[in-house]
């Protein structure tokens, strides 16, 4: 059986599970951040203190990693369905991977730099 080297796990069930778990992580993160924004006293210092607390740093990095995994699986599925020319598809996927890596490194430097 041939294994595609461009998808995330090589297994459709694992990719599906990663998509669902990452979506839940992102939804919970959105609720936490939106809840804080709606019910806090506001101000940049409070926001900075909230976001730079250790639990939120860890949760934010988990959310970024979830976003990267979720995005890659979605982009891979869409690009393999709609971009039929192999060179164009691989160039597009490489560009997306590079962008996701830059965003991930950027987020890591923001929270841990």
PDB file of N, CA and C in Angstrom:
ATOM      1  N   UNK A   1       0.846  -1.181   0.000  1.00  0.00           N
ATOM      2  CA  UNK A   1       0.000   0.000   0.000  1.00  0.00           C
ATOM      3  C   UNK A   1       0.890   1.242   0.000  1.00  0.00           C
ATOM      4  N   UNK A   2       0.609   2.159  -0.885  1.00  0.00           N
ATOM      5  CA  UNK A   2       1.388   3.399  -0.980  1.00  0.00           C
ATOM      6  C   UNK A   2       0.920   4.382   0.078  1.00  0.00           C
ATOM      7  N   UNK A   3       1.870   5.103   0.632  1.00  0.00           N
ATOM      8  CA  UNK A   3       1.553   6.103   1.646  1.00  0.00           C
ATOM      9  C   UNK A   3       1.902   7.474   1.087  1.00  0.00           C
ATOM     10  N   UNK A   4       0.967   8.393   1.174  1.00  0.00           N
ATOM     11  CA  UNK A   4       1.216   9.746   0.705  1.00  0.00           C
ATOM     12  C   UNK A   4       2.106  10.475   1.706  1.00  0.00           C
ATOM     13  N   UNK A   5       3.104  11.166   1.199  1.00  0.00           N
ATOM     14  CA  UNK A   5       4.026  11.862   2.097  1.00  0.00           C
ATOM     15  C   UNK A   5       3.577  13.287   2.384  1.00  0.00           C
ATOM     16  N   UNK A   6       2.488  13.713   1.763  1.00  0.00           N
ATOM     17  CA  UNK A   6       2.081  15.103   1.940  1.00  0.00           C
ATOM     18  C   UNK A   6       0.924  15.286   2.915  1.00  0.00           C
ATOM     19  N   UNK A   7       0.306  14.224   3.361  1.00  0.00           N
ATOM     20  CA  UNK A   7      -0.749  14.426   4.349  1.00  0.00           C
ATOM     21  C   UNK A   7      -0.141  14.362   5.746  1.00  0.00           C
ATOM     22  N   UNK A   8      -0.947  14.554   6.767  1.00  0.00           N
ATOM     23  CA  UNK A   8      -0.434  14.741   8.113  1.00  0.00           C
ATOM     24  C   UNK A   8       0.015  13.435   8.743  1.00  0.00           C
ATOM     25  N   UNK A   9      -0.845  12.446   8.766  1.00  0.00           N
ATOM     26  CA  UNK A   9      -0.512  11.224   9.495  1.00  0.00           C
ATOM     27  C   UNK A   9      -0.421   9.988   8.610  1.00  0.00           C
ATOM     28  N   UNK A  10      -0.874  10.080   7.379  1.00  0.00           N
ATOM     29  CA  UNK A  10      -0.881   8.907   6.518  1.00  0.00           C
ATOM     30  C   UNK A  10      -2.092   8.027   6.744  1.00  0.00           C
ATOM     31  N   UNK A  11      -2.963   8.429   7.637  1.00  0.00           N
ATOM     32  CA  UNK A  11      -4.128   7.641   7.988  1.00  0.00           C
ATOM     33  C   UNK A  11      -5.325   8.588   8.048  1.00  0.00           C
ATOM     34  N   UNK A  12      -6.345   8.294   7.263  1.00  0.00           N
ATOM     35  CA  UNK A  12      -7.519   9.163   7.225  1.00  0.00           C
ATOM     36  C   UNK A  12      -8.226   9.276   8.556  1.00  0.00           C
ATOM     37  N   UNK A  13      -8.283   8.192   9.321  1.00  0.00           N
ATOM     38  CA  UNK A  13      -8.951   8.231  10.627  1.00  0.00           C
ATOM     39  C   UNK A  13      -8.173   9.124  11.593  1.00  0.00           C
ATOM     40  N   UNK A  14      -6.854   9.020  11.571  1.00  0.00           N
ATOM     41  CA  UNK A  14      -6.041   9.885  12.443  1.00  0.00           C
ATOM     42  C   UNK A  14      -6.189  11.342  12.050  1.00  0.00           C
ATOM     43  N   UNK A  15      -6.183  11.622  10.758  1.00  0.00           N
ATOM     44  CA  UNK A  15      -6.380  12.995  10.302  1.00  0.00           C
ATOM     45  C   UNK A  15      -7.741  13.524  10.747  1.00  0.00           C
ATOM     46  N   UNK A  16      -8.769  12.703  10.611  1.00  0.00           N
ATOM     47  CA  UNK A  16     -10.113  13.097  11.033  1.00  0.00           C
ATOM     48  C   UNK A  16     -10.128  13.406  12.531  1.00  0.00           C
ATOM     49  N   UNK A  17      -9.498  12.542  13.318  1.00  0.00           N
ATOM     50  CA  UNK A  17      -9.466  12.745  14.765  1.00  0.00           C
ATOM     51  C   UNK A  17      -8.686  14.006  15.135  1.00  0.00           C
ATOM     52  N   UNK A  18      -7.564  14.243  14.470  1.00  0.00           N
ATOM     53  CA  UNK A  18      -6.783  15.463  14.724  1.00  0.00           C
ATOM     54  C   UNK A  18      -7.617  16.691  14.393  1.00  0.00           C
ATOM     55  N   UNK A  19      -8.346  16.639  13.277  1.00  0.00           N
ATOM     56  CA  UNK A  19      -9.220  17.764  12.910  1.00  0.00           C
ATOM     57  C   UNK A  19     -10.240  18.045  14.007  1.00  0.00           C
ATOM     58  N   UNK A  20     -10.860  17.010  14.526  1.00  0.00           N
ATOM     59  CA  UNK A  20     -11.921  17.206  15.520  1.00  0.00           C
ATOM     60  C   UNK A  20     -11.365  17.674  16.857  1.00  0.00           C
ATOM     61  N   UNK A  21     -10.278  17.072  17.304  1.00  0.00           N
ATOM     62  CA  UNK A  21      -9.683  17.467  18.587  1.00  0.00           C
ATOM     63  C   UNK A  21      -9.150  18.894  18.498  1.00  0.00           C
ATOM     64  N   UNK A  22      -8.488  19.230  17.403  1.00  0.00           N
ATOM     65  CA  UNK A  22      -7.967  20.590  17.261  1.00  0.00           C
ATOM     66  C   UNK A  22      -9.101  21.606  17.182  1.00  0.00           C
ATOM     67  N   UNK A  23     -10.210  21.245  16.565  1.00  0.00           N
ATOM     68  CA  UNK A  23     -11.360  22.152  16.514  1.00  0.00           C
ATOM     69  C   UNK A  23     -11.922  22.396  17.910  1.00  0.00           C
ATOM     70  N   UNK A  24     -11.968  21.368  18.730  1.00  0.00           N
ATOM     71  CA  UNK A  24     -12.452  21.537  20.115  1.00  0.00           C
ATOM     72  C   UNK A  24     -11.495  22.430  20.898  1.00  0.00           C
ATOM     73  N   UNK A  25     -10.193  22.201  20.764  1.00  0.00           N
ATOM     74  CA  UNK A  25      -9.208  23.031  21.461  1.00  0.00           C
ATOM     75  C   UNK A  25      -9.376  24.493  21.050  1.00  0.00           C
ATOM     76  N   UNK A  26      -9.523  24.748  19.751  1.00  0.00           N
ATOM     77  CA  UNK A  26      -9.679  26.122  19.272  1.00  0.00           C
ATOM     78  C   UNK A  26     -10.990  26.747  19.749  1.00  0.00           C
ATOM     79  N   UNK A  27     -12.053  25.964  19.801  1.00  0.00           N
ATOM     80  CA  UNK A  27     -13.335  26.483  20.285  1.00  0.00           C
ATOM     81  C   UNK A  27     -13.256  26.840  21.768  1.00  0.00           C
ATOM     82  N   UNK A  28     -12.642  25.980  22.560  1.00  0.00           N
ATOM     83  CA  UNK A  28     -12.496  26.265  23.995  1.00  0.00           C
ATOM     84  C   UNK A  28     -11.609  27.490  24.201  1.00  0.00           C
ATOM     85  N   UNK A  29     -10.540  27.597  23.428  1.00  0.00           N
ATOM     86  CA  UNK A  29      -9.651  28.758  23.522  1.00  0.00           C
ATOM     87  C   UNK A  29     -10.416  30.040  23.198  1.00  0.00           C
ATOM     88  N   UNK A  30     -11.230  30.005  22.150  1.00  0.00           N
ATOM     89  CA  UNK A  30     -12.031  31.165  21.785  1.00  0.00           C
ATOM     90  C   UNK A  30     -12.988  31.554  22.909  1.00  0.00           C
ATOM     91  N   UNK A  31     -13.639  30.576  23.515  1.00  0.00           N
ATOM     92  CA  UNK A  31     -14.570  30.854  24.603  1.00  0.00           C
ATOM     93  C   UNK A  31     -13.837  31.463  25.793  1.00  0.00           C
ATOM     94  N   UNK A  32     -12.667  30.937  26.135  1.00  0.00           N
ATOM     95  CA  UNK A  32     -11.897  31.460  27.270  1.00  0.00           C
ATOM     96  C   UNK A  32     -11.468  32.897  27.016  1.00  0.00           C
ATOM     97  N   UNK A  33     -10.893  33.152  25.857  1.00  0.00           N
ATOM     98  CA  UNK A  33     -10.405  34.502  25.556  1.00  0.00           C
ATOM     99  C   UNK A  33     -11.571  35.486  25.412  1.00  0.00           C
ATOM    100  N   UNK A  34     -12.630  35.091  24.729  1.00  0.00           N
ATOM    101  CA  UNK A  34     -13.795  35.970  24.588  1.00  0.00           C
ATOM    102  C   UNK A  34     -14.464  36.204  25.935  1.00  0.00           C
ATOM    103  N   UNK A  35     -14.547  35.160  26.751  1.00  0.00           N
ATOM    104  CA  UNK A  35     -15.117  35.323  28.093  1.00  0.00           C
ATOM    105  C   UNK A  35     -14.306  36.280  28.934  1.00  0.00           C
ATOM    106  N   UNK A  36     -12.990  36.182  28.863  1.00  0.00           N
ATOM    107  CA  UNK A  36     -12.144  37.113  29.611  1.00  0.00           C
ATOM    108  C   UNK A  36     -12.366  38.534  29.105  1.00  0.00           C
ATOM    109  N   UNK A  37     -12.413  38.709  27.780  1.00  0.00           N
ATOM    110  CA  UNK A  37     -12.586  40.046  27.205  1.00  0.00           C
ATOM    111  C   UNK A  37     -13.940  40.645  27.577  1.00  0.00           C
ATOM    112  N   UNK A  38     -14.965  39.823  27.651  1.00  0.00           N
ATOM    113  CA  UNK A  38     -16.301  40.330  27.977  1.00  0.00           C
ATOM    114  C   UNK A  38     -16.485  40.629  29.457  1.00  0.00           C
ATOM    115  N   UNK A  39     -15.851  39.850  30.317  1.00  0.00           N
ATOM    116  CA  UNK A  39     -16.137  39.954  31.742  1.00  0.00           C
ATOM    117  C   UNK A  39     -14.984  40.484  32.587  1.00  0.00           C
ATOM    118  N   UNK A  40     -13.941  40.989  31.969  1.00  0.00           N
ATOM    119  CA  UNK A  40     -12.817  41.517  32.739  1.00  0.00           C
ATOM    120  C   UNK A  40     -12.947  43.026  32.869  1.00  0.00           C
ATOM    121  N   UNK A  41     -12.086  43.581  33.705  1.00  0.00           N
ATOM    122  CA  UNK A  41     -12.101  45.026  33.893  1.00  0.00           C
ATOM    123  C   UNK A  41     -11.386  45.741  32.761  1.00  0.00           C
ATOM    124  N   UNK A  42     -10.714  45.010  31.898  1.00  0.00           N
ATOM    125  CA  UNK A  42     -10.099  45.580  30.705  1.00  0.00           C
ATOM    126  C   UNK A  42      -8.738  46.186  30.973  1.00  0.00           C
ATOM    127  N   UNK A  43      -8.220  46.841  29.966  1.00  0.00           N
ATOM    128  CA  UNK A  43      -6.914  47.466  30.057  1.00  0.00           C
ATOM    129  C   UNK A  43      -5.818  46.546  29.574  1.00  0.00           C
ATOM    130  N   UNK A  44      -4.797  47.169  28.986  1.00  0.00           N
ATOM    131  CA  UNK A  44      -3.699  46.393  28.424  1.00  0.00           C
ATOM    132  C   UNK A  44      -2.933  45.631  29.497  1.00  0.00           C
ATOM    133  N   UNK A  45      -2.707  46.240  30.639  1.00  0.00           N
ATOM    134  CA  UNK A  45      -1.945  45.563  31.697  1.00  0.00           C
ATOM    135  C   UNK A  45      -2.655  44.300  32.174  1.00  0.00           C
ATOM    136  N   UNK A  46      -3.982  44.376  32.334  1.00  0.00           N
ATOM    137  CA  UNK A  46      -4.736  43.176  32.725  1.00  0.00           C
ATOM    138  C   UNK A  46      -4.693  42.115  31.628  1.00  0.00           C
ATOM    139  N   UNK A  47      -4.848  42.558  30.380  1.00  0.00           N
ATOM    140  CA  UNK A  47      -4.788  41.630  29.254  1.00  0.00           C
ATOM    141  C   UNK A  47      -3.416  40.960  29.184  1.00  0.00           C
ATOM    142  N   UNK A  48      -2.371  41.761  29.304  1.00  0.00           N
ATOM    143  CA  UNK A  48      -1.008  41.223  29.252  1.00  0.00           C
ATOM    144  C   UNK A  48      -0.781  40.235  30.392  1.00  0.00           C
ATOM    145  N   UNK A  49      -1.226  40.585  31.574  1.00  0.00           N
ATOM    146  CA  UNK A  49      -1.083  39.676  32.711  1.00  0.00           C
ATOM    147  C   UNK A  49      -1.831  38.375  32.510  1.00  0.00           C
ATOM    148  N   UNK A  50      -3.025  38.472  31.942  1.00  0.00           N
ATOM    149  CA  UNK A  50      -3.833  37.279  31.676  1.00  0.00           C
ATOM    150  C   UNK A  50      -3.161  36.392  30.627  1.00  0.00           C
ATOM    151  N   UNK A  51      -2.751  36.990  29.517  1.00  0.00           N
ATOM    152  CA  UNK A  51      -2.186  36.205  28.422  1.00  0.00           C
ATOM    153  C   UNK A  51      -0.787  35.671  28.736  1.00  0.00           C
ATOM    154  N   UNK A  52      -0.043  36.342  29.591  1.00  0.00           N
ATOM    155  CA  UNK A  52       1.314  35.906  29.900  1.00  0.00           C
ATOM    156  C   UNK A  52       1.390  35.059  31.175  1.00  0.00           C
ATOM    157  N   UNK A  53       0.235  34.737  31.746  1.00  0.00           N
ATOM    158  CA  UNK A  53       0.258  33.793  32.863  1.00  0.00           C
ATOM    159  C   UNK A  53       0.621  32.416  32.307  1.00  0.00           C
ATOM    160  N   UNK A  54       1.234  31.595  33.116  1.00  0.00           N
ATOM    161  CA  UNK A  54       1.719  30.292  32.634  1.00  0.00           C
ATOM    162  C   UNK A  54       0.597  29.425  32.038  1.00  0.00           C
ATOM    163  N   UNK A  55      -0.585  29.326  32.685  1.00  0.00           N
ATOM    164  CA  UNK A  55      -1.629  28.496  32.060  1.00  0.00           C
ATOM    165  C   UNK A  55      -2.056  29.008  30.685  1.00  0.00           C
ATOM    166  N   UNK A  56      -2.148  30.328  30.517  1.00  0.00           N
ATOM    167  CA  UNK A  56      -2.558  30.865  29.221  1.00  0.00           C
ATOM    168  C   UNK A  56      -1.445  30.743  28.188  1.00  0.00           C
ATOM    169  N   UNK A  57      -0.183  30.837  28.614  1.00  0.00           N
ATOM    170  CA  UNK A  57       0.917  30.612  27.667  1.00  0.00           C
ATOM    171  C   UNK A  57       0.838  29.191  27.111  1.00  0.00           C
ATOM    172  N   UNK A  58       0.673  28.234  27.995  1.00  0.00           N
ATOM    173  CA  UNK A  58       0.602  26.832  27.571  1.00  0.00           C
ATOM    174  C   UNK A  58      -0.636  26.608  26.703  1.00  0.00           C
ATOM    175  N   UNK A  59      -1.774  27.161  27.116  1.00  0.00           N
ATOM    176  CA  UNK A  59      -3.015  27.007  26.362  1.00  0.00           C
ATOM    177  C   UNK A  59      -2.908  27.696  25.003  1.00  0.00           C
ATOM    178  N   UNK A  60      -2.258  28.850  24.958  1.00  0.00           N
ATOM    179  CA  UNK A  60      -2.089  29.570  23.697  1.00  0.00           C
ATOM    180  C   UNK A  60      -1.213  28.795  22.733  1.00  0.00           C
ATOM    181  N   UNK A  61      -0.134  28.222  23.225  1.00  0.00           N
ATOM    182  CA  UNK A  61       0.729  27.418  22.362  1.00  0.00           C
ATOM    183  C   UNK A  61      -0.019  26.171  21.884  1.00  0.00           C
ATOM    184  N   UNK A  62      -0.783  25.554  22.772  1.00  0.00           N
ATOM    185  CA  UNK A  62      -1.608  24.414  22.368  1.00  0.00           C
ATOM    186  C   UNK A  62      -2.595  24.830  21.281  1.00  0.00           C
ATOM    187  N   UNK A  63      -3.176  26.021  21.423  1.00  0.00           N
ATOM    188  CA  UNK A  63      -4.108  26.520  20.410  1.00  0.00           C
ATOM    189  C   UNK A  63      -3.392  26.784  19.088  1.00  0.00           C
ATOM    190  N   UNK A  64      -2.193  27.339  19.140  1.00  0.00           N
ATOM    191  CA  UNK A  64      -1.430  27.592  17.910  1.00  0.00           C
ATOM    192  C   UNK A  64      -1.077  26.268  17.226  1.00  0.00           C
ATOM    193  N   UNK A  65      -0.615  25.293  18.010  1.00  0.00           N
ATOM    194  CA  UNK A  65      -0.303  23.987  17.430  1.00  0.00           C
ATOM    195  C   UNK A  65      -1.555  23.328  16.848  1.00  0.00           C
ATOM    196  N   UNK A  66      -2.677  23.489  17.523  1.00  0.00           N
ATOM    197  CA  UNK A  66      -3.939  22.962  17.007  1.00  0.00           C
ATOM    198  C   UNK A  66      -4.323  23.650  15.707  1.00  0.00           C
ATOM    199  N   UNK A  67      -4.116  24.967  15.660  1.00  0.00           N
ATOM    200  CA  UNK A  67      -4.426  25.715  14.438  1.00  0.00           C
ATOM    201  C   UNK A  67      -3.540  25.266  13.277  1.00  0.00           C
ATOM    202  N   UNK A  68      -2.272  25.037  13.551  1.00  0.00           N
ATOM    203  CA  UNK A  68      -1.357  24.586  12.497  1.00  0.00           C
ATOM    204  C   UNK A  68      -1.763  23.198  11.990  1.00  0.00           C
ATOM    205  N   UNK A  69      -2.010  22.276  12.891  1.00  0.00           N
ATOM    206  CA  UNK A  69      -2.421  20.931  12.476  1.00  0.00           C
ATOM    207  C   UNK A  69      -3.749  20.935  11.742  1.00  0.00           C
ATOM    208  N   UNK A  70      -4.701  21.672  12.271  1.00  0.00           N
ATOM    209  CA  UNK A  70      -6.028  21.768  11.667  1.00  0.00           C
ATOM    210  C   UNK A  70      -5.933  22.378  10.266  1.00  0.00           C
ATOM    211  N   UNK A  71      -5.156  23.440  10.166  1.00  0.00           N
ATOM    212  CA  UNK A  71      -4.992  24.121   8.875  1.00  0.00           C
ATOM    213  C   UNK A  71      -4.330  23.221   7.845  1.00  0.00           C
ATOM    214  N   UNK A  72      -3.266  22.537   8.267  1.00  0.00           N
ATOM    215  CA  UNK A  72      -2.558  21.699   7.308  1.00  0.00           C
ATOM    216  C   UNK A  72      -3.449  20.585   6.779  1.00  0.00           C
ATOM    217  N   UNK A  73      -4.180  19.928   7.646  1.00  0.00           N
ATOM    218  CA  UNK A  73      -5.043  18.835   7.194  1.00  0.00           C
ATOM    219  C   UNK A  73      -6.113  19.370   6.240  1.00  0.00           C
ATOM    220  N   UNK A  74      -6.692  20.510   6.565  1.00  0.00           N
ATOM    221  CA  UNK A  74      -7.688  21.104   5.683  1.00  0.00           C
ATOM    222  C   UNK A  74      -7.110  21.519   4.343  1.00  0.00           C
ATOM    223  N   UNK A  75      -5.954  22.182   4.371  1.00  0.00           N
ATOM    224  CA  UNK A  75      -5.309  22.616   3.134  1.00  0.00           C
ATOM    225  C   UNK A  75      -4.906  21.407   2.297  1.00  0.00           C
ATOM    226  N   UNK A  76      -4.377  20.371   2.948  1.00  0.00           N
ATOM    227  CA  UNK A  76      -3.982  19.178   2.202  1.00  0.00           C
ATOM    228  C   UNK A  76      -5.202  18.556   1.512  1.00  0.00           C
ATOM    229  N   UNK A  77      -6.304  18.427   2.243  1.00  0.00           N
ATOM    230  CA  UNK A  77      -7.507  17.819   1.669  1.00  0.00           C
ATOM    231  C   UNK A  77      -8.035  18.647   0.499  1.00  0.00           C
ATOM    232  N   UNK A  78      -8.091  19.947   0.670  1.00  0.00           N
ATOM    233  CA  UNK A  78      -8.607  20.814  -0.395  1.00  0.00           C
ATOM    234  C   UNK A  78      -7.675  20.822  -1.597  1.00  0.00           C
ATOM    235  N   UNK A  79      -6.367  20.940  -1.330  1.00  0.00           N
ATOM    236  CA  UNK A  79      -5.430  21.020  -2.459  1.00  0.00           C
ATOM    237  C   UNK A  79      -5.366  19.714  -3.240  1.00  0.00           C
ATOM    238  N   UNK A  80      -5.469  18.578  -2.572  1.00  0.00           N
ATOM    239  CA  UNK A  80      -5.433  17.316  -3.319  1.00  0.00           C
ATOM    240  C   UNK A  80      -6.730  17.098  -4.097  1.00  0.00           C
ATOM    241  N   UNK A  81      -7.826  17.691  -3.635  1.00  0.00           N
ATOM    242  CA  UNK A  81      -9.091  17.558  -4.361  1.00  0.00           C
ATOM    243  C   UNK A  81      -9.167  18.498  -5.560  1.00  0.00           C
ATOM    244  N   UNK A  82      -8.653  19.713  -5.430  1.00  0.00           N
ATOM    245  CA  UNK A  82      -8.918  20.736  -6.434  1.00  0.00           C
ATOM    246  C   UNK A  82      -7.716  21.155  -7.270  1.00  0.00           C
ATOM    247  N   UNK A  83      -6.507  20.872  -6.841  1.00  0.00           N
ATOM    248  CA  UNK A  83      -5.332  21.229  -7.643  1.00  0.00           C
ATOM    249  C   UNK A  83      -4.771  19.929  -8.221  1.00  0.00           C
ATOM    250  N   UNK A  84      -5.064  19.682  -9.466  1.00  0.00           N
ATOM    251  CA  UNK A  84      -4.724  18.401 -10.088  1.00  0.00           C
ATOM    252  C   UNK A  84      -3.289  18.354 -10.607  1.00  0.00           C
ATOM    253  N   UNK A  85      -2.737  19.483 -10.985  1.00  0.00           N
ATOM    254  CA  UNK A  85      -1.370  19.505 -11.508  1.00  0.00           C
ATOM    255  C   UNK A  85      -0.407  19.311 -10.339  1.00  0.00           C
ATOM    256  N   UNK A  86       0.391  18.264 -10.377  1.00  0.00           N
ATOM    257  CA  UNK A  86       1.236  17.863  -9.250  1.00  0.00           C
ATOM    258  C   UNK A  86       2.228  18.943  -8.837  1.00  0.00           C
ATOM    259  N   UNK A  87       2.886  19.554  -9.789  1.00  0.00           N
ATOM    260  CA  UNK A  87       3.895  20.574  -9.462  1.00  0.00           C
ATOM    261  C   UNK A  87       3.243  21.780  -8.802  1.00  0.00           C
ATOM    262  N   UNK A  88       2.122  22.204  -9.333  1.00  0.00           N
ATOM    263  CA  UNK A  88       1.415  23.357  -8.756  1.00  0.00           C
ATOM    264  C   UNK A  88       0.930  23.023  -7.343  1.00  0.00           C
ATOM    265  N   UNK A  89       0.367  21.823  -7.197  1.00  0.00           N
ATOM    266  CA  UNK A  89      -0.132  21.408  -5.880  1.00  0.00           C
ATOM    267  C   UNK A  89       1.001  21.349  -4.854  1.00  0.00           C
ATOM    268  N   UNK A  90       2.123  20.752  -5.216  1.00  0.00           N
ATOM    269  CA  UNK A  90       3.246  20.654  -4.280  1.00  0.00           C
ATOM    270  C   UNK A  90       3.832  22.027  -3.960  1.00  0.00           C
ATOM    271  N   UNK A  91       3.898  22.898  -4.957  1.00  0.00           N
ATOM    272  CA  UNK A  91       4.391  24.259  -4.705  1.00  0.00           C
ATOM    273  C   UNK A  91       3.461  24.990  -3.735  1.00  0.00           C
ATOM    274  N   UNK A  92       2.167  24.839  -3.952  1.00  0.00           N
ATOM    275  CA  UNK A  92       1.182  25.442  -3.050  1.00  0.00           C
ATOM    276  C   UNK A  92       1.321  24.877  -1.641  1.00  0.00           C
ATOM    277  N   UNK A  93       1.445  23.565  -1.523  1.00  0.00           N
ATOM    278  CA  UNK A  93       1.568  22.938  -0.211  1.00  0.00           C
ATOM    279  C   UNK A  93       2.850  23.349   0.488  1.00  0.00           C
ATOM    280  N   UNK A  94       3.946  23.453  -0.235  1.00  0.00           N
ATOM    281  CA  UNK A  94       5.207  23.909   0.363  1.00  0.00           C
ATOM    282  C   UNK A  94       5.057  25.342   0.866  1.00  0.00           C
ATOM    283  N   UNK A  95       4.412  26.192   0.072  1.00  0.00           N
ATOM    284  CA  UNK A  95       4.199  27.581   0.501  1.00  0.00           C
ATOM    285  C   UNK A  95       3.360  27.645   1.771  1.00  0.00           C
ATOM    286  N   UNK A  96       2.332  26.812   1.853  1.00  0.00           N
ATOM    287  CA  UNK A  96       1.478  26.783   3.043  1.00  0.00           C
ATOM    288  C   UNK A  96       2.260  26.274   4.251  1.00  0.00           C
ATOM    289  N   UNK A  97       3.049  25.227   4.063  1.00  0.00           N
ATOM    290  CA  UNK A  97       3.849  24.687   5.166  1.00  0.00           C
ATOM    291  C   UNK A  97       4.827  25.743   5.674  1.00  0.00           C
ATOM    292  N   UNK A  98       5.479  26.448   4.765  1.00  0.00           N
ATOM    293  CA  UNK A  98       6.410  27.497   5.174  1.00  0.00           C
ATOM    294  C   UNK A  98       5.691  28.604   5.943  1.00  0.00           C
ATOM    295  N   UNK A  99       4.530  29.009   5.456  1.00  0.00           N
ATOM    296  CA  UNK A  99       3.759  30.042   6.158  1.00  0.00           C
ATOM    297  C   UNK A  99       3.341  29.562   7.549  1.00  0.00           C
ATOM    298  N   UNK A 100       2.870  28.323   7.641  1.00  0.00           N
ATOM    299  CA  UNK A 100       2.462  27.790   8.949  1.00  0.00           C
ATOM    300  C   UNK A 100       3.646  27.698   9.905  1.00  0.00           C
ATOM    301  N   UNK A 101       4.805  27.312   9.402  1.00  0.00           N
ATOM    302  CA  UNK A 101       6.002  27.266  10.254  1.00  0.00           C
ATOM    303  C   UNK A 101       6.392  28.660  10.741  1.00  0.00           C
ATOM    304  N   UNK A 102       6.324  29.635   9.858  1.00  0.00           N
ATOM    305  CA  UNK A 102       6.628  31.014  10.258  1.00  0.00           C
ATOM    306  C   UNK A 102       5.653  31.478  11.330  1.00  0.00           C
ATOM    307  N   UNK A 103       4.370  31.214  11.140  1.00  0.00           N
ATOM    308  CA  UNK A 103       3.373  31.619  12.136  1.00  0.00           C
ATOM    309  C   UNK A 103       3.601  30.913  13.467  1.00  0.00           C
ATOM    310  N   UNK A 104       3.952  29.643  13.412  1.00  0.00           N
ATOM    311  CA  UNK A 104       4.186  28.890  14.640  1.00  0.00           C
ATOM    312  C   UNK A 104       5.417  29.427  15.373  1.00  0.00           C
ATOM    313  N   UNK A 105       6.493  29.685  14.655  1.00  0.00           N
ATOM    314  CA  UNK A 105       7.700  30.232  15.279  1.00  0.00           C
ATOM    315  C   UNK A 105       7.424  31.621  15.825  1.00  0.00           C
ATOM    316  N   UNK A 106       6.668  32.409  15.095  1.00  0.00           N
ATOM    317  CA  UNK A 106       6.307  33.747  15.550  1.00  0.00           C
ATOM    318  C   UNK A 106       5.526  33.676  16.858  1.00  0.00           C
ATOM    319  N   UNK A 107       4.547  32.781  16.923  1.00  0.00           N
ATOM    320  CA  UNK A 107       3.759  32.626  18.152  1.00  0.00           C
ATOM    321  C   UNK A 107       4.637  32.164  19.309  1.00  0.00           C
ATOM    322  N   UNK A 108       5.540  31.235  19.046  1.00  0.00           N
ATOM    323  CA  UNK A 108       6.445  30.771  20.106  1.00  0.00           C
ATOM    324  C   UNK A 108       7.307  31.907  20.628  1.00  0.00           C
ATOM    325  N   UNK A 109       7.804  32.766  19.736  1.00  0.00           N
ATOM    326  CA  UNK A 109       8.626  33.888  20.198  1.00  0.00           C
ATOM    327  C   UNK A 109       7.809  34.920  20.949  1.00  0.00           C
ATOM    328  N   UNK A 110       6.542  35.084  20.584  1.00  0.00           N
ATOM    329  CA  UNK A 110       5.691  36.024  21.314  1.00  0.00           C
ATOM    330  C   UNK A 110       5.472  35.536  22.742  1.00  0.00           C
ATOM    331  N   UNK A 111       5.142  34.259  22.892  1.00  0.00           N
ATOM    332  CA  UNK A 111       4.805  33.747  24.226  1.00  0.00           C
ATOM    333  C   UNK A 111       6.011  33.324  25.054  1.00  0.00           C
ATOM    334  N   UNK A 112       7.096  32.906  24.407  1.00  0.00           N
ATOM    335  CA  UNK A 112       8.241  32.396  25.166  1.00  0.00           C
ATOM    336  C   UNK A 112       9.539  33.143  24.887  1.00  0.00           C
ATOM    337  N   UNK A 113       9.493  34.184  24.022  1.00  0.00           N
ATOM    338  CA  UNK A 113      10.704  34.904  23.639  1.00  0.00           C
ATOM    339  C   UNK A 113      11.188  35.903  24.670  1.00  0.00           C
TER     340      UNK A 113
END
